[in-house]
Each structure stands twice: as C-alpha cells, then as structure tokens.
Amino acid sequence: MKREYPSVIGVLVHGSVARGEPGPFSDIDMLAVINSGKKPSDFSYFDGDIHVGIGFLKIAELEKEFTDPKAFFWARGSKGIIRRVLLRWKGAKPPHKVVDKSLWDTYYYMIEYSGKMRNGWRKQDDYMTRHSARIIAHCVERTLIVLNDISIISENYLWHQVLKAGKRPRHLRTDYPLALGIQGTSDTSKVYRSALRLCKETLRMIRVEFGEKAKQLRFRTLLGEPLEKHGL
C-alpha cells in the first residue's frame, strides 16, 4: 500500500477481522488514511479467495467525520498521528445538538412508519407491513445507540449490541428480532404485533429519557402530542 500510494500514513482495519473473529467467508475491510493530496479511488481485489476492500480517507476527514474510535482497530501506520486522533476521542460524548437531531429523526420516522405499517396490515400487504416493521427496528437501533452511548463495532454485529443495551424497551428481546427480520416467521401478524409494541415502547422511552432535554422546537412540539393522536 505504501509503495503504491506514498501519501498513505496509516491503515485502519474494521469488521470481523479487526475483532479477531472472522468467519470462513469474511472479507477484509481496510481504510487507508492519507496525509494530503488527491484522494485515490477506492478499490478491491481478491487475495486467493478472500475479498479485500480498501477505501481512502484524508486525516482531516477522519478527525471530522468519525466520532467513534472503538469502531476501528489500529493496524499500522505513521507513529503518533492517528493515535493522537483516537486518544482525543476516548471518553468523548457527542454534542447535545447531535443527540437532539438523532432522536428527533428516529422519533419522527417511527411515528411515520407505524402509520405505513398499519396501512399495510389493513390492506393485507405483507411487503409493506414487513418493510415498515424493519424500518421501525432500525430506528430502535439508532435510539438505543444514542441513549446507551453504544460504540458500533460493526454493522454486522450491531444487533448483538442492541440486545445487550442497558436502557431498552421492555420487550426488546422478543420484538426486535421479529421486526428486524433476523428471526424468520411466515406469520406476518407476529411481525406486525411485535413491531407495533416495539415502536410504542421505544417512543415512550424517548419521552421519559429525553423529553425534558429536547431543544429543537419541532421535536418538543411532537413530544408534547399524545401518542394516541398517532394511533399509538
């Protein structure tokens, strides 16, 4: 990498390989950090039968965009530069404005897609019902990440972390796998009931945990409306 791209100062490895738990079909995901100059195009190749994906990021972008040091594993690179970035992140909390915006988004979309899911259920549209349930489950994920300050190890491992969250809806362990679709069932009514209960419990949790802290006017207004107004 250094020979082909002299501007590379370090390499970040993430995913199952970084965690030391790759499966037989796992690929290797790497992010090459460059100090300056034009950013090369991402590329991938096969090393034997192992797929290797390589992306590029400038050090300034790394500092600006990545807010979770635990999402990556330090592999090799220029001494001190990236390590200083990671140390600066350690123990850092996201700004209140970011938390406020994140919870506003998930709160709003859960209400919106609970309506779409109910419409799908009434029309006996399995696709719309299950699709909406899955989006609700993803919104629950984002809510729990924010409220529990979860460090994302990998998108593939996220559901394990969500199920272990301290602050969580009461029936999360039952409802979340069904709504997300990682626990398969041919009975759409189970998916519908689980997603609806998961949605209600998560919305109420946001109101309890963050209701008094919300700053955004539209968010505060929405939090002030009874959930029954939205069919919940």
Protein backbone atom coordinates (compact mmCIF):
# COMPACT_ATOMS: atom_id res chain seq x y z
CA MET A 1 0.00 0.00 0.00
CA LYS A 2 2.77 2.42 0.97
CA ARG A 3 4.68 1.63 -2.20
CA GLU A 4 1.73 2.27 -4.50
CA TYR A 5 0.36 5.23 -2.53
CA PRO A 6 3.18 7.22 -0.83
CA SER A 7 0.71 9.63 0.81
CA VAL A 8 -0.72 6.83 2.99
CA ILE A 9 0.18 7.39 6.65
CA GLY A 10 -1.76 4.55 8.21
CA VAL A 11 -4.27 1.77 7.74
CA LEU A 12 -7.41 1.14 9.79
CA VAL A 13 -8.93 -2.34 9.80
CA HIS A 14 -12.55 -2.85 10.81
CA GLY A 15 -15.14 -5.59 10.81
CA SER A 16 -14.80 -9.20 11.95
CA VAL A 17 -11.09 -9.42 11.10
CA ALA A 18 -10.33 -6.46 13.36
CA ARG A 19 -12.28 -8.11 16.19
CA GLY A 20 -10.35 -11.34 15.74
CA GLU A 21 -13.43 -13.36 14.90
CA PRO A 22 -13.57 -13.74 11.10
CA GLY A 23 -15.77 -16.45 9.63
CA PRO A 24 -14.78 -18.72 6.73
CA PHE A 25 -16.31 -16.29 4.20
CA SER A 26 -15.37 -13.00 5.86
CA ASP A 27 -13.81 -10.27 3.77
CA ILE A 28 -11.14 -7.84 4.96
CA ASP A 29 -12.20 -4.19 5.21
CA MET A 30 -9.45 -1.60 5.33
CA LEU A 31 -9.37 2.18 5.35
CA ALA A 32 -6.14 3.84 4.23
CA VAL A 33 -5.56 7.28 5.72
CA ILE A 34 -3.66 9.84 3.64
CA ASN A 35 -1.98 12.99 4.89
CA SER A 36 -2.57 15.27 1.92
CA GLY A 37 -3.04 15.42 -1.83
CA LYS A 38 -5.73 13.96 -4.06
CA LYS A 39 -7.65 11.08 -2.56
CA PRO A 40 -7.25 7.85 -4.62
CA SER A 41 -10.29 5.90 -5.76
CA ASP A 42 -11.50 3.05 -3.57
CA PHE A 43 -10.74 -0.41 -4.91
CA SER A 44 -10.98 -4.08 -4.02
CA TYR A 45 -9.24 -7.28 -5.00
CA PHE A 46 -9.10 -10.99 -4.17
CA ASP A 47 -6.19 -12.40 -2.18
CA GLY A 48 -6.70 -16.03 -3.02
CA ASP A 49 -10.40 -16.48 -2.26
CA ILE A 50 -10.53 -13.64 0.29
CA HIS A 51 -12.13 -10.37 -0.79
CA VAL A 52 -10.19 -7.30 0.32
CA GLY A 53 -11.84 -3.87 0.17
CA ILE A 54 -9.80 -0.68 0.54
CA GLY A 55 -11.15 2.83 0.94
CA PHE A 56 -9.27 6.11 1.39
CA LEU A 57 -9.78 8.99 3.78
CA LYS A 58 -7.81 12.16 4.50
CA ILE A 59 -6.61 12.71 8.04
CA ALA A 60 -8.71 15.90 8.23
CA GLU A 61 -11.82 13.93 7.19
CA LEU A 62 -11.01 11.26 9.74
CA GLU A 63 -10.97 13.86 12.51
CA LYS A 64 -14.16 15.48 11.26
CA GLU A 65 -16.36 12.55 10.31
CA PHE A 66 -15.54 9.64 12.59
CA THR A 67 -16.83 10.08 16.11
CA ASP A 68 -16.41 6.53 17.36
CA PRO A 69 -12.85 5.31 17.92
CA LYS A 70 -13.98 1.87 19.05
CA ALA A 71 -15.44 1.18 15.61
CA PHE A 72 -11.92 0.64 14.30
CA PHE A 73 -8.82 -1.27 15.23
CA TRP A 74 -5.41 0.34 14.82
CA ALA A 75 -3.30 -1.77 12.48
CA ARG A 76 -0.19 0.01 11.27
CA GLY A 77 0.88 3.46 10.22
CA SER A 78 2.74 6.65 10.90
CA LYS A 79 3.61 6.83 14.59
CA GLY A 80 1.60 9.21 16.66
CA ILE A 81 -0.66 10.92 14.10
CA ILE A 82 -3.71 8.67 14.10
CA ARG A 83 -3.06 7.58 17.66
CA ARG A 84 -3.45 11.18 18.78
CA VAL A 85 -6.80 11.33 16.99
CA LEU A 86 -8.01 8.18 18.73
CA LEU A 87 -6.85 9.38 22.15
CA ARG A 88 -8.71 12.64 21.67
CA TRP A 89 -11.91 10.68 21.02
CA LYS A 90 -11.57 8.49 24.09
CA GLY A 91 -14.36 9.21 26.53
CA ALA A 92 -15.77 11.97 24.33
CA LYS A 93 -19.55 12.43 24.29
CA PRO A 94 -21.48 13.53 21.21
CA PRO A 95 -22.68 17.16 21.35
CA HIS A 96 -26.23 17.66 22.66
CA LYS A 97 -27.24 19.08 19.27
CA VAL A 98 -26.26 15.80 17.56
CA VAL A 99 -28.17 13.72 20.13
CA ASP A 100 -31.21 16.00 19.80
CA LYS A 101 -31.22 15.69 15.99
CA SER A 102 -30.69 11.92 16.08
CA LEU A 103 -33.57 11.29 18.48
CA TRP A 104 -35.83 13.71 16.61
CA ASP A 105 -35.22 11.78 13.38
CA THR A 106 -35.89 8.36 14.92
CA TYR A 107 -38.96 9.58 16.85
CA TYR A 108 -40.47 11.15 13.73
CA TYR A 109 -39.77 8.16 11.46
CA MET A 110 -41.12 5.64 13.94
CA ILE A 111 -44.42 7.52 14.03
CA GLU A 112 -44.46 7.82 10.23
CA TYR A 113 -43.70 4.15 9.57
CA SER A 114 -46.03 2.90 12.26
CA GLY A 115 -48.77 4.51 10.16
CA LYS A 116 -47.46 2.90 6.96
CA MET A 117 -47.26 -0.45 8.72
CA ARG A 118 -50.87 -0.21 9.94
CA ASN A 119 -51.99 0.69 6.43
CA GLY A 120 -50.10 -2.30 5.05
CA TRP A 121 -51.69 -4.55 7.65
CA ARG A 122 -55.23 -3.32 6.86
CA LYS A 123 -54.66 -3.85 3.15
CA GLN A 124 -53.12 -7.29 3.77
CA ASP A 125 -49.96 -6.06 2.07
CA ASP A 126 -47.27 -8.30 3.55
CA TYR A 127 -44.43 -6.47 1.86
CA MET A 128 -45.40 -3.03 3.18
CA THR A 129 -46.08 -4.43 6.66
CA ARG A 130 -42.70 -6.17 6.90
CA HIS A 131 -40.78 -3.35 5.22
CA SER A 132 -42.20 -0.81 7.67
CA ALA A 133 -41.52 -3.12 10.60
CA ARG A 134 -37.88 -3.38 9.55
CA ILE A 135 -37.51 0.40 9.33
CA ILE A 136 -39.03 0.74 12.80
CA ALA A 137 -36.47 -1.80 14.08
CA HIS A 138 -33.63 0.24 12.53
CA CYS A 139 -34.98 3.37 14.21
CA VAL A 140 -34.98 1.50 17.52
CA GLU A 141 -31.33 0.57 16.91
CA ARG A 142 -30.37 4.22 16.41
CA THR A 143 -32.33 5.24 19.50
CA LEU A 144 -30.55 2.70 21.70
CA ILE A 145 -27.15 3.63 20.26
CA VAL A 146 -27.74 7.24 21.31
CA LEU A 147 -29.36 6.62 24.71
CA ASN A 148 -26.80 3.99 25.72
CA ASP A 149 -23.76 5.60 24.06
CA ILE A 150 -23.06 2.33 22.22
CA SER A 151 -19.82 2.12 20.27
CA ILE A 152 -20.57 0.37 16.99
CA ILE A 153 -18.12 -2.49 16.49
CA SER A 154 -19.56 -3.46 13.11
CA GLU A 155 -22.89 -3.09 11.31
CA ASN A 156 -22.95 -6.90 11.09
CA TYR A 157 -22.59 -7.16 14.88
CA LEU A 158 -24.92 -4.29 15.76
CA TRP A 159 -27.97 -6.36 16.63
CA HIS A 160 -25.95 -8.24 19.29
CA GLN A 161 -25.01 -4.93 20.89
CA VAL A 162 -28.57 -3.62 20.73
CA LEU A 163 -29.95 -6.67 22.54
CA LYS A 164 -27.46 -6.07 25.38
CA ALA A 165 -28.33 -2.38 25.82
CA GLY A 166 -28.99 -1.25 29.38
CA LYS A 167 -31.74 1.23 28.55
CA ARG A 168 -34.12 -0.65 26.30
CA PRO A 169 -37.80 -1.29 25.60
CA ARG A 170 -39.29 -3.91 27.91
CA HIS A 171 -39.99 -6.48 25.17
CA LEU A 172 -36.90 -5.73 23.04
CA ARG A 173 -35.50 -9.26 23.11
CA THR A 174 -38.78 -10.68 21.78
CA ASP A 175 -39.91 -7.93 19.42
CA TYR A 176 -36.70 -6.58 17.87
CA PRO A 177 -35.55 -9.82 16.13
CA LEU A 178 -39.03 -10.33 14.66
CA ALA A 179 -39.40 -6.72 13.47
CA LEU A 180 -35.90 -6.66 12.00
CA GLY A 181 -36.37 -9.99 10.25
CA ILE A 182 -33.42 -11.83 11.80
CA GLN A 183 -35.91 -14.22 13.40
CA GLY A 184 -37.83 -15.53 10.44
CA THR A 185 -41.53 -16.30 10.51
CA SER A 186 -44.16 -16.81 7.84
CA ASP A 187 -46.76 -15.28 10.16
CA THR A 188 -46.90 -11.58 9.28
CA SER A 189 -49.24 -10.91 12.19
CA LYS A 190 -46.38 -11.76 14.60
CA VAL A 191 -44.10 -9.27 12.84
CA TYR A 192 -46.83 -6.63 12.91
CA ARG A 193 -47.67 -7.03 16.60
CA SER A 194 -44.02 -7.13 17.64
CA ALA A 195 -43.06 -4.06 15.60
CA LEU A 196 -46.06 -2.10 16.88
CA ARG A 197 -45.27 -2.89 20.53
CA LEU A 198 -41.57 -2.19 19.96
CA CYS A 199 -42.46 1.17 18.42
CA LYS A 200 -44.75 2.19 21.29
CA GLU A 201 -42.28 1.19 24.00
CA THR A 202 -39.36 2.94 22.28
CA LEU A 203 -41.30 6.17 21.73
CA ARG A 204 -42.31 6.21 25.40
CA MET A 205 -38.71 5.56 26.41
CA ILE A 206 -37.53 8.55 24.39
CA ARG A 207 -40.16 10.72 26.08
CA VAL A 208 -39.01 9.59 29.54
CA GLU A 209 -35.25 9.71 28.89
CA PHE A 210 -35.05 12.83 26.72
CA GLY A 211 -38.38 14.64 26.92
CA GLU A 212 -37.13 17.41 29.20
CA LYS A 213 -33.80 17.76 27.38
CA ALA A 214 -35.07 18.30 23.82
CA LYS A 215 -34.11 21.71 22.42
CA GLN A 216 -35.42 21.61 18.86
CA LEU A 217 -38.83 23.30 18.71
CA ARG A 218 -40.41 20.79 16.30
CA PHE A 219 -39.15 17.93 18.45
CA ARG A 220 -40.54 19.46 21.64
CA THR A 221 -43.88 20.03 19.90
CA LEU A 222 -44.05 16.43 18.72
CA LEU A 223 -43.08 15.14 22.16
CA GLY A 224 -45.94 17.18 23.60
CA GLU A 225 -48.51 15.37 21.47
CA PRO A 226 -50.10 12.23 22.98
CA LEU A 227 -49.07 9.06 21.15
CA GLU A 228 -52.77 8.15 20.86
CA LYS A 229 -53.08 11.00 18.38
CA HIS A 230 -50.85 8.98 16.05
CA GLY A 231 -52.69 5.72 16.61
CA LEU A 232 -50.22 4.51 19.22
